[in-house]
C-alpha atoms as a PDB file:
ATOM      1  CA  UNK A   1      11.172  -5.397  10.820  1.00  0.00           C
ATOM      2  CA  UNK A   2      14.775  -4.911   9.681  1.00  0.00           C
ATOM      3  CA  UNK A   3      15.680  -1.576   7.522  1.00  0.00           C
ATOM      4  CA  UNK A   4      16.443  -2.204   3.693  1.00  0.00           C
ATOM      5  CA  UNK A   5      18.977   0.201   2.722  1.00  0.00           C
ATOM      6  CA  UNK A   6      18.023   1.883  -0.842  1.00  0.00           C
ATOM      7  CA  UNK A   7      21.165   2.982  -3.055  1.00  0.00           C
ATOM      8  CA  UNK A   8      19.921   6.741  -3.816  1.00  0.00           C
ATOM      9  CA  UNK A   9      21.832   6.214  -7.270  1.00  0.00           C
ATOM     10  CA  UNK A  10      19.760   3.431  -8.063  1.00  0.00           C
ATOM     11  CA  UNK A  11      16.479   6.230  -7.898  1.00  0.00           C
ATOM     12  CA  UNK A  12      17.756   8.632  -9.949  1.00  0.00           C
ATOM     13  CA  UNK A  13      18.052   6.078 -12.796  1.00  0.00           C
ATOM     14  CA  UNK A  14      14.727   6.078 -13.399  1.00  0.00           C
ATOM     15  CA  UNK A  15      13.600  10.035 -12.598  1.00  0.00           C
ATOM     16  CA  UNK A  16      15.276  13.040 -13.046  1.00  0.00           C
ATOM     17  CA  UNK A  17      16.526  13.876  -9.643  1.00  0.00           C
ATOM     18  CA  UNK A  18      16.145  12.161  -6.343  1.00  0.00           C
ATOM     19  CA  UNK A  19      12.957  14.150  -5.257  1.00  0.00           C
ATOM     20  CA  UNK A  20      11.052  13.110  -8.488  1.00  0.00           C
ATOM     21  CA  UNK A  21      11.887   9.742  -7.741  1.00  0.00           C
ATOM     22  CA  UNK A  22      10.951   9.891  -3.756  1.00  0.00           C
ATOM     23  CA  UNK A  23       7.009  12.062  -5.056  1.00  0.00           C
ATOM     24  CA  UNK A  24       6.259   9.452  -7.577  1.00  0.00           C
ATOM     25  CA  UNK A  25       7.031   6.532  -5.417  1.00  0.00           C
ATOM     26  CA  UNK A  26       5.572   8.210  -2.587  1.00  0.00           C
ATOM     27  CA  UNK A  27       2.262   8.427  -4.631  1.00  0.00           C
ATOM     28  CA  UNK A  28       2.443   5.388  -6.101  1.00  0.00           C
ATOM     29  CA  UNK A  29       2.584   4.350  -2.280  1.00  0.00           C
ATOM     30  CA  UNK A  30      -0.597   6.240  -1.466  1.00  0.00           C
ATOM     31  CA  UNK A  31      -2.753   5.182  -4.502  1.00  0.00           C
ATOM     32  CA  UNK A  32      -1.905   1.437  -3.081  1.00  0.00           C
ATOM     33  CA  UNK A  33      -2.498   1.742   0.162  1.00  0.00           C
ATOM     34  CA  UNK A  34      -5.785   3.114  -1.054  1.00  0.00           C
ATOM     35  CA  UNK A  35      -6.807   0.365  -2.609  1.00  0.00           C
ATOM     36  CA  UNK A  36      -6.010  -2.139   0.170  1.00  0.00           C
ATOM     37  CA  UNK A  37      -8.102  -0.288   1.974  1.00  0.00           C
ATOM     38  CA  UNK A  38     -10.987  -0.438  -0.054  1.00  0.00           C
ATOM     39  CA  UNK A  39     -10.381  -4.181  -0.635  1.00  0.00           C
ATOM     40  CA  UNK A  40     -10.713  -4.860   3.473  1.00  0.00           C
ATOM     41  CA  UNK A  41     -13.692  -2.804   3.680  1.00  0.00           C
ATOM     42  CA  UNK A  42     -14.867  -4.964   0.881  1.00  0.00           C
ATOM     43  CA  UNK A  43     -14.151  -8.281   2.107  1.00  0.00           C
ATOM     44  CA  UNK A  44     -15.263  -7.064   5.674  1.00  0.00           C
ATOM     45  CA  UNK A  45     -18.740  -5.622   4.402  1.00  0.00           C
ATOM     46  CA  UNK A  46     -19.162  -9.490   2.711  1.00  0.00           C
ATOM     47  CA  UNK A  47     -18.981 -11.160   6.249  1.00  0.00           C
ATOM     48  CA  UNK A  48     -22.236 -12.132   7.612  1.00  0.00           C
ATOM     49  CA  UNK A  49     -22.960 -10.852  11.013  1.00  0.00           C
ATOM     50  CA  UNK A  50     -21.090  -8.153  11.166  1.00  0.00           C
ATOM     51  CA  UNK A  51     -22.991  -4.784  12.135  1.00  0.00           C
ATOM     52  CA  UNK A  52     -21.313  -1.627  10.895  1.00  0.00           C
ATOM     53  CA  UNK A  53     -23.005   0.301  13.591  1.00  0.00           C
ATOM     54  CA  UNK A  54     -21.171  -1.521  16.523  1.00  0.00           C
ATOM     55  CA  UNK A  55     -17.724  -0.210  14.930  1.00  0.00           C
ATOM     56  CA  UNK A  56     -17.691   1.450  18.537  1.00  0.00           C
ATOM     57  CA  UNK A  57     -17.519  -2.380  20.796  1.00  0.00           C
ATOM     58  CA  UNK A  58     -14.629  -4.191  19.933  1.00  0.00           C
ATOM     59  CA  UNK A  59     -16.001  -7.630  18.661  1.00  0.00           C
ATOM     60  CA  UNK A  60     -13.283 -10.079  17.122  1.00  0.00           C
ATOM     61  CA  UNK A  61     -14.529 -11.566  14.698  1.00  0.00           C
ATOM     62  CA  UNK A  62     -11.732 -14.292  13.278  1.00  0.00           C
ATOM     63  CA  UNK A  63     -13.026 -14.091   9.597  1.00  0.00           C
ATOM     64  CA  UNK A  64     -11.562 -10.131   9.915  1.00  0.00           C
ATOM     65  CA  UNK A  65      -8.897 -11.118  11.966  1.00  0.00           C
ATOM     66  CA  UNK A  66      -7.429 -12.946   8.981  1.00  0.00           C
ATOM     67  CA  UNK A  67      -8.525 -10.632   6.386  1.00  0.00           C
ATOM     68  CA  UNK A  68      -6.143  -8.194   7.917  1.00  0.00           C
ATOM     69  CA  UNK A  69      -3.922 -11.044   8.480  1.00  0.00           C
ATOM     70  CA  UNK A  70      -3.834 -11.697   4.803  1.00  0.00           C
ATOM     71  CA  UNK A  71      -3.730  -8.070   3.715  1.00  0.00           C
ATOM     72  CA  UNK A  72      -0.543  -7.566   5.567  1.00  0.00           C
ATOM     73  CA  UNK A  73       1.169 -10.269   4.589  1.00  0.00           C
ATOM     74  CA  UNK A  74       1.053  -8.787   1.098  1.00  0.00           C
ATOM     75  CA  UNK A  75       3.741  -6.045   2.390  1.00  0.00           C
ATOM     76  CA  UNK A  76       3.880  -2.013   3.303  1.00  0.00           C
ATOM     77  CA  UNK A  77       2.231   0.239   0.543  1.00  0.00           C
ATOM     78  CA  UNK A  78       5.764   1.819   0.467  1.00  0.00           C
ATOM     79  CA  UNK A  79       7.836  -1.262  -0.197  1.00  0.00           C
ATOM     80  CA  UNK A  80       6.068  -2.300  -2.538  1.00  0.00           C
ATOM     81  CA  UNK A  81       5.609   1.442  -4.378  1.00  0.00           C
ATOM     82  CA  UNK A  82       9.482   1.346  -4.013  1.00  0.00           C
ATOM     83  CA  UNK A  83       9.782  -2.221  -5.685  1.00  0.00           C
ATOM     84  CA  UNK A  84       7.610  -1.172  -8.837  1.00  0.00           C
ATOM     85  CA  UNK A  85       8.962   1.942  -9.517  1.00  0.00           C
ATOM     86  CA  UNK A  86      12.914   0.122  -9.376  1.00  0.00           C
ATOM     87  CA  UNK A  87      11.209  -2.485 -11.847  1.00  0.00           C
ATOM     88  CA  UNK A  88      10.183  -0.243 -13.879  1.00  0.00           C
ATOM     89  CA  UNK A  89       6.852  -0.802 -13.648  1.00  0.00           C
ATOM     90  CA  UNK A  90       5.078   2.795 -12.443  1.00  0.00           C
ATOM     91  CA  UNK A  91       4.458   4.675 -15.535  1.00  0.00           C
ATOM     92  CA  UNK A  92       4.774   8.642 -14.584  1.00  0.00           C
ATOM     93  CA  UNK A  93       4.249  12.061 -16.725  1.00  0.00           C
ATOM     94  CA  UNK A  94       4.354  15.434 -16.635  1.00  0.00           C
ATOM     95  CA  UNK A  95       1.189  17.556 -16.905  1.00  0.00           C
ATOM     96  CA  UNK A  96       2.119  21.083 -18.775  1.00  0.00           C
END
């Protein structure tokens, strides 16, 4: 996985300063990660034959692996949050 450089000046265009942009991006990345976790758990719960009590045993279920790979293809949450921020899709405001 290659590193993708990000122009700091581009981040500053969308917020007051670089630190504010990093905070906004990190909070959005956490939201995306939480949403992905909820979606994964919901889809895994729908798979017949998975017993939640047997979590300690390492059972390879092809459906569970397929779901994991589908969610991995969506990309990392930080990368998605950064892209959303740079495209102006993230709204944020100050609480006074």
